[in-house]
Amino acid sequence: MSEFRIETLRLILRQWREEDIDPFHGICSDPVVMETLGPLMSRDEVAALVARMYRMQEEEGYCFWAMERKEDAQLIGWCGIIRGRPGTSIEGKPEAGWRMTPSAWGKGYVTEAAIASVQWAFDNLPDDAVWAITNTDNHRSRAVMERIGMVYDPVLDFDHPQVPADSPLLRHVTYRIGRDIWVRNRANG
């Protein structure tokens, strides 16, 4: 079986590899990256997360894929699709998600990868919508959600079950885009 791969103009979304652990640990242990995502992660925690993504890809055919920049083959983050976790507003629904090193911020990479991921979901999954969640104050991710055509649904705001009750990251927002709107937006360029 060949390695999973999606190519965009500047990026490759692909299956995780053992050599991705150290650079991804650099991202997941960066206080700037994790400010709106959660606590800094140890190398062992990142290795377990990468292993979980690898298994998810093998078992389900998708995950939050390794995001590699074509020009220098550098791992700059992750982006892809998973099923929403239990206790969230999108439990069992296809969730688009991303995380990226700050040195690559502001260049449109996440938007490019998110578009490719959502397109993959609509091409390969039967669901009628793709969803995204983030901490209320994660304005960068919310901007990406809006750029790709997702709409905020305040009725679905929730306290994330995996975040401590006293954490400023507890409250989460929910965005979605329906298949019909996605198709119409893509057709209109």
Protein backbone atom coordinates (compact mmCIF):
# COMPACT_ATOMS: atom_id res chain seq x y z
CA MET A 1 0.00 0.00 0.00
CA SER A 2 1.41 3.38 -0.96
CA GLU A 3 1.81 6.18 1.58
CA PHE A 4 -1.15 8.54 1.92
CA ARG A 5 -0.45 11.88 0.25
CA ILE A 6 -2.31 15.04 -0.73
CA GLU A 7 -0.41 17.68 -2.65
CA THR A 8 -1.31 21.35 -2.85
CA LEU A 9 0.59 24.11 -4.59
CA ARG A 10 3.10 24.49 -1.72
CA LEU A 11 2.39 21.63 0.68
CA ILE A 12 2.25 17.88 1.11
CA LEU A 13 -0.16 16.34 3.61
CA ARG A 14 1.01 12.81 4.31
CA GLN A 15 1.19 9.82 6.61
CA TRP A 16 3.26 10.31 9.76
CA ARG A 17 6.83 8.96 10.00
CA GLU A 18 9.11 8.26 12.95
CA GLU A 19 11.38 11.15 11.93
CA ASP A 20 8.45 13.57 12.33
CA ILE A 21 8.36 13.20 16.12
CA ASP A 22 11.21 15.57 16.98
CA PRO A 23 10.15 18.46 14.71
CA PHE A 24 6.51 18.04 15.76
CA HIS A 25 7.62 18.03 19.40
CA GLY A 26 9.29 21.38 18.69
CA ILE A 27 5.90 22.70 17.57
CA CYS A 28 3.90 21.12 20.42
CA SER A 29 6.33 22.38 23.08
CA ASP A 30 6.34 25.96 21.77
CA PRO A 31 4.47 28.27 24.20
CA VAL A 32 3.36 30.52 21.34
CA VAL A 33 1.73 27.61 19.48
CA MET A 34 0.17 26.05 22.56
CA GLU A 35 -1.12 29.30 24.07
CA THR A 36 -4.64 28.62 22.74
CA LEU A 37 -4.36 24.83 22.38
CA GLY A 38 -3.35 23.49 25.77
CA PRO A 39 -0.35 22.56 27.87
CA LEU A 40 3.11 22.12 26.40
CA MET A 41 3.69 18.53 25.36
CA SER A 42 6.66 16.31 26.24
CA ARG A 43 8.43 14.32 23.56
CA ASP A 44 6.78 11.13 24.85
CA GLU A 45 3.33 12.74 24.63
CA VAL A 46 4.04 13.86 21.08
CA ALA A 47 5.33 10.39 20.14
CA ALA A 48 2.09 8.88 21.50
CA LEU A 49 0.02 11.46 19.60
CA VAL A 50 1.88 10.74 16.34
CA ALA A 51 1.40 7.00 16.93
CA ARG A 52 -2.34 7.59 17.46
CA MET A 53 -2.54 9.57 14.19
CA TYR A 54 -0.64 6.81 12.37
CA ARG A 55 -3.05 4.16 13.70
CA MET A 56 -6.03 6.34 12.84
CA GLN A 57 -4.77 6.66 9.26
CA GLU A 58 -4.25 2.90 9.02
CA GLU A 59 -7.64 2.04 10.52
CA GLU A 60 -9.90 4.81 9.23
CA GLY A 61 -8.03 6.16 6.21
CA TYR A 62 -7.60 9.69 7.56
CA CYS A 63 -6.20 11.70 10.47
CA PHE A 64 -4.54 15.02 11.15
CA TRP A 65 -1.78 14.45 8.58
CA ALA A 66 1.83 15.60 8.73
CA MET A 67 2.10 18.93 6.89
CA GLU A 68 5.32 19.31 4.93
CA ARG A 69 6.43 22.36 2.98
CA LYS A 70 7.44 21.34 -0.56
CA GLU A 71 10.22 23.87 -1.06
CA ASP A 72 12.41 22.48 1.74
CA ALA A 73 10.64 19.24 2.86
CA GLN A 74 10.31 20.74 6.36
CA LEU A 75 7.55 19.47 8.66
CA ILE A 76 5.67 22.63 9.60
CA GLY A 77 2.68 21.16 11.42
CA TRP A 78 -0.38 19.04 10.90
CA CYS A 79 -3.71 19.42 9.16
CA GLY A 80 -6.45 17.00 8.28
CA ILE A 81 -9.67 15.34 9.35
CA ILE A 82 -10.58 13.24 12.39
CA ARG A 83 -13.91 12.31 13.99
CA GLY A 84 -14.99 14.71 16.75
CA ARG A 85 -14.31 13.43 20.24
CA PRO A 86 -16.94 12.31 22.75
CA GLY A 87 -18.33 15.14 24.86
CA THR A 88 -17.75 17.79 22.20
CA SER A 89 -20.41 19.53 20.10
CA ILE A 90 -19.18 17.58 17.07
CA GLU A 91 -18.89 14.07 18.50
CA GLY A 92 -18.52 11.58 15.64
CA LYS A 93 -18.61 14.27 12.94
CA PRO A 94 -15.71 15.00 10.56
CA GLU A 95 -13.52 17.62 12.19
CA ALA A 96 -10.96 19.67 10.31
CA GLY A 97 -7.99 20.66 12.45
CA TRP A 98 -4.51 22.15 12.19
CA ARG A 99 -1.44 23.16 14.15
CA MET A 100 1.63 24.89 12.72
CA THR A 101 5.02 26.28 13.68
CA PRO A 102 4.98 30.09 14.16
CA SER A 103 7.74 30.61 11.58
CA ALA A 104 5.21 29.51 8.93
CA TRP A 105 2.31 31.66 10.21
CA GLY A 106 0.87 34.40 8.04
CA LYS A 107 1.79 32.76 4.73
CA GLY A 108 -1.54 31.08 3.97
CA TYR A 109 -0.27 27.54 4.55
CA VAL A 110 -2.98 26.54 7.01
CA THR A 111 -5.73 27.89 4.77
CA GLU A 112 -4.24 25.99 1.82
CA ALA A 113 -3.99 22.77 3.85
CA ALA A 114 -7.46 23.19 5.38
CA ILE A 115 -9.04 23.64 1.95
CA ALA A 116 -7.32 20.46 0.73
CA SER A 117 -8.42 18.57 3.85
CA VAL A 118 -12.06 19.65 3.62
CA GLN A 119 -12.07 18.84 -0.10
CA TRP A 120 -10.67 15.40 0.68
CA ALA A 121 -13.43 14.89 3.28
CA PHE A 122 -16.19 15.79 0.84
CA ASP A 123 -14.61 13.61 -1.86
CA ASN A 124 -14.16 10.59 0.40
CA LEU A 125 -16.64 10.68 3.29
CA PRO A 126 -20.46 10.51 3.16
CA ASP A 127 -21.04 13.29 5.71
CA ASP A 128 -23.02 16.36 4.70
CA ALA A 129 -20.79 18.82 6.61
CA VAL A 130 -17.27 19.32 7.95
CA TRP A 131 -16.82 20.90 11.35
CA ALA A 132 -14.09 22.67 13.30
CA ILE A 133 -13.74 23.64 16.94
CA THR A 134 -11.32 25.82 18.83
CA ASN A 135 -10.91 27.78 22.03
CA THR A 136 -13.04 30.92 22.04
CA ASP A 137 -9.93 33.14 22.01
CA ASN A 138 -8.06 31.35 19.20
CA HIS A 139 -8.63 34.16 16.72
CA ARG A 140 -6.09 32.84 14.20
CA SER A 141 -7.88 29.50 13.83
CA ARG A 142 -11.27 31.18 13.76
CA ALA A 143 -10.04 33.39 10.91
CA VAL A 144 -8.94 30.28 8.96
CA MET A 145 -12.35 28.70 9.53
CA GLU A 146 -14.03 31.80 8.14
CA ARG A 147 -11.60 32.07 5.19
CA ILE A 148 -12.48 28.56 4.06
CA GLY A 149 -16.19 29.34 4.24
CA MET A 150 -17.13 27.85 7.60
CA VAL A 151 -19.84 29.54 9.64
CA TYR A 152 -19.82 29.98 13.41
CA ASP A 153 -22.76 28.42 15.28
CA PRO A 154 -22.93 30.02 18.76
CA VAL A 155 -25.66 27.59 19.86
CA LEU A 156 -22.97 24.86 19.80
CA ASP A 157 -20.45 26.62 22.09
CA PHE A 158 -19.31 24.16 24.77
CA ASP A 159 -16.86 23.48 27.56
CA HIS A 160 -14.27 21.01 26.26
CA PRO A 161 -14.35 17.83 28.36
CA GLN A 162 -10.56 17.37 28.17
CA VAL A 163 -9.75 20.86 29.45
CA PRO A 164 -9.63 21.57 33.20
CA ALA A 165 -12.64 23.53 34.49
CA ASP A 166 -10.43 26.39 35.72
CA SER A 167 -8.54 26.77 32.42
CA PRO A 168 -9.02 29.86 30.25
CA LEU A 169 -9.09 27.39 27.32
CA LEU A 170 -12.22 25.60 28.57
CA ARG A 171 -14.82 27.35 26.39
CA HIS A 172 -14.88 26.27 22.73
CA VAL A 173 -16.66 27.49 19.62
CA THR A 174 -17.99 25.41 16.73
CA TYR A 175 -17.87 26.16 13.00
CA ARG A 176 -19.24 24.14 10.08
CA ILE A 177 -19.54 24.12 6.33
CA GLY A 178 -22.12 22.05 4.50
CA ARG A 179 -21.31 20.03 1.42
CA ASP A 180 -23.75 22.09 -0.70
CA ILE A 181 -22.14 25.41 0.30
CA TRP A 182 -18.63 23.97 -0.18
CA VAL A 183 -19.45 22.78 -3.69
CA ARG A 184 -21.06 26.11 -4.58
CA ASN A 185 -18.09 28.08 -3.19
CA ARG A 186 -15.57 25.92 -5.10
CA ALA A 187 -17.57 26.30 -8.33
CA ASN A 188 -17.58 30.09 -7.93
CA GLY A 189 -13.82 30.15 -7.35
